[in-house]
Protein backbone atom coordinates (compact mmCIF):
# COMPACT_ATOMS: atom_id res chain seq x y z
CA MET A 1 -9.94 15.82 5.57
CA ASN A 2 -10.46 16.77 1.91
CA LYS A 3 -7.10 17.89 0.56
CA TYR A 4 -4.75 17.13 -2.33
CA GLY A 5 -7.76 15.74 -4.25
CA LEU A 6 -7.91 12.97 -1.62
CA LYS A 7 -10.47 12.17 1.05
CA ILE A 8 -8.35 11.20 4.07
CA LYS A 9 -10.21 9.98 7.13
CA ASP A 10 -9.44 11.90 10.30
CA GLY A 11 -8.99 8.90 12.58
CA GLY A 12 -8.93 5.13 12.89
CA ALA A 13 -7.17 2.18 14.46
CA LEU A 14 -4.42 2.38 11.83
CA ASP A 15 -3.04 5.35 9.95
CA LEU A 16 -1.58 3.00 7.33
CA LEU A 17 -1.80 -0.70 6.50
CA SER A 18 0.70 -2.27 4.09
CA LEU A 19 0.39 -5.54 2.20
CA GLY A 20 3.59 -7.21 1.05
CA ALA A 21 6.33 -9.77 1.57
CA LEU A 22 8.58 -9.71 4.60
CA VAL A 23 12.16 -10.66 3.79
CA HIS A 24 15.54 -10.74 5.48
CA ARG A 25 18.55 -9.15 3.80
CA LEU A 26 22.05 -10.45 4.36
CA ASP A 27 24.58 -7.62 4.24
CA PRO A 28 28.35 -8.27 4.26
CA GLY A 29 29.02 -4.52 4.14
CA ILE A 30 31.57 -3.42 1.57
CA ILE A 31 32.85 -6.99 1.11
CA PRO A 32 31.44 -8.83 -1.94
CA PHE A 33 29.71 -12.11 -1.14
CA ARG A 34 32.35 -14.26 -2.79
CA LYS A 35 34.84 -13.02 -0.16
CA ALA A 36 32.44 -12.53 2.77
CA THR A 37 32.99 -14.17 6.15
CA GLU A 38 30.11 -12.54 8.07
CA CYS A 39 26.86 -10.66 7.44
CA LEU A 40 24.43 -8.34 9.17
CA ILE A 41 20.76 -9.34 8.98
CA HIS A 42 18.23 -6.64 8.08
CA VAL A 43 14.46 -7.21 8.02
CA SER A 44 12.91 -5.61 5.00
CA GLY A 45 10.23 -5.60 2.32
CA GLY A 46 9.34 -2.68 0.05
CA GLU A 47 5.82 -2.44 1.41
CA TYR A 48 6.74 -3.22 5.02
CA ASN A 49 9.50 -0.59 5.07
CA VAL A 50 6.93 2.19 4.61
CA ALA A 51 4.86 0.96 7.56
CA ALA A 52 7.96 0.51 9.74
CA ASN A 53 9.28 3.99 8.93
CA LEU A 54 5.94 5.65 9.61
CA SER A 55 5.70 3.89 12.97
CA ASP A 56 9.24 4.18 14.26
CA CYS A 57 10.17 7.67 13.05
CA PHE A 58 6.87 9.46 12.50
CA ARG A 59 4.96 7.88 15.41
CA LEU A 60 1.94 6.86 13.37
CA LYS A 61 -0.09 3.69 13.88
CA THR A 62 0.67 1.15 11.17
CA GLY A 63 0.19 -2.50 10.28
CA ILE A 64 1.50 -5.12 7.85
CA ALA A 65 -0.44 -7.95 6.21
CA ALA A 66 2.05 -10.62 5.21
CA ALA A 67 2.95 -14.29 5.12
CA MET A 68 4.80 -15.66 8.15
CA VAL A 69 6.54 -19.03 8.48
CA LYS A 70 6.76 -20.85 11.81
CA TYR A 71 10.53 -21.39 12.04
CA PRO A 72 13.49 -19.46 13.50
CA ILE A 73 13.90 -17.07 10.56
CA GLY A 74 10.22 -16.24 10.83
CA ASP A 75 10.69 -15.66 14.55
CA LEU A 76 13.58 -13.29 13.86
CA ILE A 77 11.53 -11.30 11.34
CA ALA A 78 8.47 -11.16 13.59
CA GLU A 79 10.60 -9.85 16.46
CA ARG A 80 11.91 -7.00 14.29
CA VAL A 81 8.38 -6.15 13.15
CA ARG A 82 7.32 -5.86 16.79
CA ALA A 83 10.39 -3.76 17.59
CA MET A 84 9.40 -1.24 14.90
CA GLY A 85 5.93 -0.95 16.42
CA VAL A 86 4.10 -2.37 13.41
CA ARG A 87 0.94 -4.39 14.07
CA PRO A 88 1.06 -7.74 12.24
CA PHE A 89 -1.74 -9.47 10.33
CA TYR A 90 -0.13 -12.79 9.40
CA LYS A 91 -1.16 -15.75 7.28
CA TYR A 92 0.90 -18.51 8.93
CA PHE A 93 2.67 -21.35 7.12
CA GLU A 94 4.35 -24.42 8.63
CA HIS A 95 7.98 -25.13 7.67
CA ASP A 96 8.71 -28.76 6.75
CA GLY A 97 12.24 -28.60 8.17
CA VAL A 98 13.88 -29.08 4.79
CA ARG A 99 12.37 -27.24 1.82
CA GLY A 100 10.14 -24.60 3.35
CA PRO A 101 8.04 -22.64 2.71
CA ASN A 102 10.63 -19.98 3.42
CA MET A 103 10.90 -16.32 4.26
CA ALA A 104 12.76 -14.91 1.28
CA THR A 105 16.43 -13.96 1.45
CA VAL A 106 17.89 -10.89 -0.26
CA TYR A 107 21.67 -10.65 -0.64
CA SER A 108 23.12 -7.19 -1.07
CA ASP A 109 26.65 -5.95 -0.61
CA ARG A 110 27.02 -2.18 -0.34
CA GLY A 111 29.74 -1.69 -2.93
CA TYR A 112 32.16 1.18 -2.43
CA GLY A 113 33.24 4.16 -4.52
CA ALA A 114 33.49 3.07 -8.15
CA ARG A 115 32.20 -0.43 -7.28
CA ALA A 116 28.41 -0.58 -7.42
CA PRO A 117 26.22 -2.47 -4.93
CA VAL A 118 25.10 -5.94 -6.05
CA VAL A 119 21.63 -7.32 -5.26
CA PHE A 120 20.38 -10.88 -5.85
CA TYR A 121 17.70 -13.05 -4.30
CA ASN A 122 16.70 -16.45 -3.05
CA ARG A 123 12.90 -16.36 -3.26
CA SER A 124 12.56 -20.10 -3.89
CA ASN A 125 9.47 -21.58 -2.24
CA GLU A 126 8.68 -18.20 -0.67
CA ALA A 127 5.66 -18.21 1.63
CA ALA A 128 4.50 -14.80 0.38
CA GLY A 129 4.13 -16.26 -3.11
CA TYR A 130 1.52 -18.69 -1.78
CA LEU A 131 -0.78 -15.91 -0.58
CA LYS A 132 -4.07 -15.91 -2.44
CA PRO A 133 -7.44 -14.13 -2.27
CA GLY A 134 -9.35 -15.15 0.85
CA ASP A 135 -6.28 -15.49 3.07
CA PHE A 136 -7.01 -12.24 4.93
CA ASN A 137 -10.34 -11.09 6.37
CA TRP A 138 -10.15 -7.61 4.85
CA LYS A 139 -13.67 -6.67 5.92
CA GLU A 140 -12.77 -7.30 9.55
CA ILE A 141 -9.39 -5.56 9.28
CA PHE A 142 -10.78 -2.43 7.64
CA SER A 143 -13.80 -2.31 9.97
CA GLU A 144 -11.46 -1.11 12.74
CA GLY A 145 -10.71 2.03 10.75
CA VAL A 146 -7.78 2.22 8.32
CA ARG A 147 -6.93 5.62 6.87
CA TRP A 148 -4.46 4.55 4.17
CA PHE A 149 -3.68 1.28 2.38
CA HIS A 150 -0.34 0.66 0.63
CA SER A 151 1.17 -2.08 -1.51
CA GLY A 152 3.70 -2.39 -4.31
CA GLY A 153 5.00 -3.95 -7.47
CA ILE A 154 7.52 -6.21 -5.75
CA PHE A 155 4.73 -8.17 -4.04
CA ALA A 156 2.66 -8.15 -7.24
CA ALA A 157 5.50 -9.89 -9.11
CA LEU A 158 5.98 -12.82 -6.73
CA SER A 159 3.48 -15.35 -8.10
CA GLU A 160 0.32 -15.94 -10.12
CA THR A 161 -1.86 -15.03 -7.13
CA THR A 162 -0.24 -12.09 -5.33
CA ALA A 163 -1.55 -9.39 -7.69
CA ASP A 164 -5.06 -10.76 -7.09
CA VAL A 165 -4.52 -10.39 -3.33
CA ILE A 166 -3.56 -6.73 -3.88
CA ILE A 167 -6.70 -6.10 -5.95
CA GLU A 168 -8.89 -7.83 -3.36
CA ALA A 169 -7.37 -5.66 -0.61
CA MET A 170 -7.68 -2.47 -2.64
CA GLN A 171 -11.35 -3.15 -3.31
CA ALA A 172 -11.92 -3.59 0.43
CA ALA A 173 -9.90 -0.44 1.16
CA LYS A 174 -11.99 1.57 -1.29
CA SER A 175 -15.22 0.26 0.25
CA ALA A 176 -13.94 1.28 3.69
CA GLY A 177 -13.00 4.80 2.55
CA ALA A 178 -9.21 4.40 2.82
CA VAL A 179 -6.76 6.20 0.54
CA VAL A 180 -4.99 3.66 -1.69
CA SER A 181 -1.32 3.99 -2.67
CA PHE A 182 0.95 1.80 -4.76
CA ASP A 183 4.68 1.85 -5.43
CA LEU A 184 5.31 0.55 -8.96
CA ASN A 185 8.82 -0.57 -7.89
CA TYR A 186 9.42 -2.30 -11.23
CA ARG A 187 12.03 -5.01 -10.71
CA GLU A 188 13.01 -6.64 -13.99
CA LYS A 189 14.59 -9.68 -12.30
CA LEU A 190 11.37 -10.50 -10.45
CA TRP A 191 9.02 -10.04 -13.40
CA LYS A 192 11.34 -11.97 -15.71
CA VAL A 193 10.68 -15.18 -13.78
CA SER A 194 6.94 -14.56 -13.41
CA GLY A 195 5.86 -13.71 -16.95
CA GLY A 196 7.98 -10.82 -18.16
CA VAL A 197 7.10 -7.29 -19.23
CA ALA A 198 3.82 -8.19 -20.91
CA ARG A 199 2.39 -9.83 -17.80
CA ALA A 200 3.74 -7.04 -15.60
CA THR A 201 2.08 -4.35 -17.68
CA GLY A 202 -1.28 -6.11 -17.74
CA LEU A 203 -1.38 -6.69 -13.99
CA LEU A 204 0.04 -3.33 -12.93
CA ARG A 205 -2.40 -1.44 -15.16
CA LYS A 206 -5.26 -3.35 -13.55
CA ILE A 207 -3.98 -2.54 -10.07
CA VAL A 208 -3.38 1.16 -10.79
CA GLY A 209 -7.04 1.47 -11.74
CA TYR A 210 -7.75 1.41 -7.99
CA VAL A 211 -4.92 3.75 -6.92
CA ASP A 212 -5.16 7.31 -5.55
CA VAL A 213 -1.43 7.88 -4.84
CA LEU A 214 1.19 6.42 -7.17
CA VAL A 215 4.90 6.20 -6.39
CA GLY A 216 7.24 5.58 -9.30
CA ASN A 217 9.66 7.22 -11.69
CA GLU A 218 9.39 7.60 -15.46
CA GLU A 219 11.07 4.24 -16.05
CA ASP A 220 8.56 2.51 -13.75
CA MET A 221 5.71 4.09 -15.70
CA GLN A 222 7.19 3.17 -19.07
CA LYS A 223 8.04 -0.45 -18.25
CA GLY A 224 5.44 -1.16 -15.61
CA LEU A 225 2.45 0.56 -17.19
CA GLY A 226 3.50 0.45 -20.84
CA ILE A 227 3.18 4.22 -21.26
CA PRO A 228 5.43 5.57 -24.05
CA GLY A 229 7.92 8.23 -23.02
CA PRO A 230 11.36 9.71 -23.65
CA ASP A 231 14.60 7.76 -23.35
CA VAL A 232 15.22 7.64 -19.61
CA THR A 233 18.99 7.27 -20.05
CA SER A 234 19.48 10.34 -22.21
CA LYS A 235 19.16 13.08 -19.59
CA SER A 236 20.25 13.88 -16.07
CA LYS A 237 18.43 11.86 -13.44
CA LEU A 238 17.86 15.14 -11.59
CA ASP A 239 15.99 16.71 -14.50
CA PRO A 240 12.28 16.57 -13.61
CA ALA A 241 11.16 17.29 -17.18
CA MET A 242 10.79 13.63 -18.17
CA PHE A 243 8.85 12.80 -15.01
CA VAL A 244 6.49 15.74 -15.53
CA ALA A 245 6.02 14.75 -19.18
CA MET A 246 5.06 11.22 -18.16
CA ILE A 247 2.47 12.44 -15.64
CA GLU A 248 0.13 13.89 -18.26
CA SER A 249 0.06 10.61 -20.15
CA THR A 250 -0.36 8.60 -16.96
CA VAL A 251 -3.23 10.56 -15.42
CA LYS A 252 -4.98 10.73 -18.77
CA GLN A 253 -5.12 6.94 -18.77
CA PHE A 254 -5.73 6.70 -15.00
CA PRO A 255 -7.83 9.72 -13.97
CA ASN A 256 -8.36 8.12 -10.55
CA VAL A 257 -4.71 8.93 -9.69
CA LYS A 258 -4.51 12.26 -7.84
CA VAL A 259 -0.90 12.16 -6.63
CA VAL A 260 2.28 10.86 -8.28
CA ALA A 261 5.68 11.11 -6.58
CA THR A 262 9.25 9.92 -7.00
CA THR A 263 12.80 10.50 -5.89
CA LEU A 264 15.40 12.03 -8.22
CA ARG A 265 18.88 10.62 -7.80
CA GLU A 266 22.13 11.19 -9.71
CA VAL A 267 24.70 8.57 -8.73
CA HIS A 268 28.24 9.97 -8.92
CA SER A 269 29.72 7.01 -7.06
CA THR A 270 28.34 4.37 -4.73
CA ASN A 271 28.85 6.70 -1.78
CA ARG A 272 28.13 10.06 -3.37
CA HIS A 273 24.66 10.90 -4.72
CA SER A 274 22.82 14.07 -5.64
CA TRP A 275 19.32 13.69 -4.19
CA SER A 276 15.99 15.37 -4.78
CA ALA A 277 12.31 14.46 -5.04
CA ILE A 278 9.23 15.60 -6.91
CA ALA A 279 5.48 15.16 -6.65
CA TRP A 280 2.52 15.95 -8.86
CA ILE A 281 -0.39 16.68 -6.54
CA ASN A 282 -3.86 17.29 -7.94
CA GLY A 283 -2.57 19.05 -11.04
CA LYS A 284 0.41 20.96 -9.63
CA THR A 285 4.09 20.01 -9.37
CA TYR A 286 6.26 20.42 -6.27
CA GLN A 287 10.02 19.71 -6.08
CA ALA A 288 12.36 19.36 -3.12
CA PRO A 289 15.83 20.97 -3.11
CA THR A 290 18.85 19.02 -4.31
CA CYS A 291 21.39 17.96 -1.73
CA GLU A 292 24.65 16.03 -1.91
CA LEU A 293 24.49 12.75 0.02
CA ASP A 294 27.34 10.77 1.51
CA VAL A 295 25.69 7.36 1.29
CA TYR A 296 26.32 4.58 3.78
CA ASP A 297 23.66 2.12 2.54
CA ARG A 298 21.38 3.15 -0.30
CA VAL A 299 18.83 0.32 0.09
CA GLY A 300 15.48 1.62 1.33
CA GLY A 301 15.97 5.28 0.44
CA GLY A 302 12.95 5.31 -1.86
CA ASP A 303 10.76 3.70 0.80
CA GLY A 304 12.09 6.31 3.22
CA PHE A 305 10.90 9.04 0.87
CA ALA A 306 7.48 7.42 0.47
CA ALA A 307 7.00 7.16 4.23
CA GLY A 308 7.90 10.78 4.91
CA PHE A 309 5.76 11.99 2.01
CA PHE A 310 2.77 9.90 3.14
CA CYS A 311 3.23 11.27 6.66
CA GLY A 312 3.02 14.78 5.27
CA LEU A 313 -0.24 14.00 3.49
CA LEU A 314 -1.74 12.09 6.43
CA THR A 315 -1.01 14.95 8.81
CA GLY A 316 -2.25 17.72 6.50
CA MET A 317 1.02 19.48 5.68
CA ASP A 318 1.07 21.79 2.69
CA GLU A 319 2.20 20.10 -0.50
CA GLN A 320 5.73 21.50 -0.62
CA GLU A 321 6.39 20.59 3.00
CA ALA A 322 5.10 17.05 2.44
CA VAL A 323 7.55 16.56 -0.44
CA LYS A 324 10.40 17.97 1.66
CA MET A 325 9.49 15.68 4.57
CA GLY A 326 9.80 12.66 2.29
CA TRP A 327 13.01 13.99 0.70
CA ALA A 328 14.60 14.66 4.10
CA HIS A 329 13.69 11.27 5.56
CA GLY A 330 14.86 9.39 2.45
CA ALA A 331 18.17 11.26 2.58
CA LEU A 332 18.74 10.44 6.24
CA LEU A 333 17.79 6.80 5.75
CA THR A 334 20.75 6.32 3.38
CA THR A 335 23.09 7.27 6.22
CA PHE A 336 22.13 4.22 8.31
CA PRO A 337 22.73 0.49 7.81
CA GLY A 338 19.65 -1.50 6.88
CA ASP A 339 16.43 -0.90 5.02
CA THR A 340 14.32 0.81 7.68
CA THR A 341 14.71 4.06 9.55
CA MET A 342 16.93 4.90 12.50
CA ALA A 343 16.11 8.62 12.25
CA THR A 344 13.98 10.58 14.70
CA ILE A 345 11.21 12.87 13.54
CA GLU A 346 13.15 15.81 15.01
CA GLN A 347 16.16 14.99 12.80
CA VAL A 348 13.92 14.78 9.74
CA GLN A 349 12.23 18.09 10.54
CA ALA A 350 15.61 19.78 11.03
CA PHE A 351 16.92 18.45 7.71
CA ALA A 352 13.73 19.46 5.88
CA LYS A 353 14.14 23.01 7.22
CA GLY A 354 17.73 23.18 6.02
CA GLY A 355 19.52 21.82 9.05
CA SER A 356 23.18 20.87 8.90
CA ALA A 357 25.32 17.98 10.11
CA ARG A 358 26.74 20.08 12.96
CA ILE A 359 26.96 18.13 16.20
CA GLN A 360 23.82 18.27 18.36
CA ARG A 361 24.75 18.94 22.00
């Protein structure tokens, strides 16, 4: 299928393969951690979330290449991966019973009203950070037929070797004829401990040289790719003008990029957001409507958008409908606890067409 400036294969063993770190997120709800007495456990990972959403909601065939530790937390995560219907390609590590290696922990309370959510990490001795080129047999994996390959900036930031694993995988994906996507997902806390902005820019620019579909907002492009742009704090977050202005500069430097997409979110309070999305597809811009969200848990909304948008492109929707599919799924994902979807494709389709929250009988 030749569409959107992309060559998307019509079939294969996997519609999408992600590469990234699997993590578990501890969630005490609206209680801050210093007062928490119990937590929910969510399995997550920026790259994994896209694969999980595409499988569970959109009924596509997906996989995840990741590190996995042989201990109970690893078992818990692996069970959730299976439950979401995602095919695993694991590099296994043995746990020493004391220090690891570990599956990373993310701590995130939801906040409430005027009190913002708080996110912090324990990624000490994380197994994913030990991944290096040669750990996965990409030639064998892609020989089965993979239509789309996806990774992101969170995984790239983990260690001195993870960006090289991404590049190795992208080279194999290109050779196999897969579309390559990347979510810049610039996280200052992660890059600060692995070399800072300068290292981030150098590595991310190298990676984006292989990318067909780029996910990221104007701030991601400025900080992650070092592309000058307007002050991102000076205008409404719903104003697409800054994003559109950044695209011209970005694609001029990276002419291989055919699609760039991002969510647009104005945060009025922790539980009340205005939500939209926009995509630049092969030279034209498409924007979703703006809706008012009552947010239950905002974590994963961007990955929810990416999954719905990728589904639209993989299934040949017209450009506007693909953007609306991502926008609708990302919106619904914020109404559930956890980082991955609990929506059905029928709910997403209804929302994208302008459906309401009236009870379904």
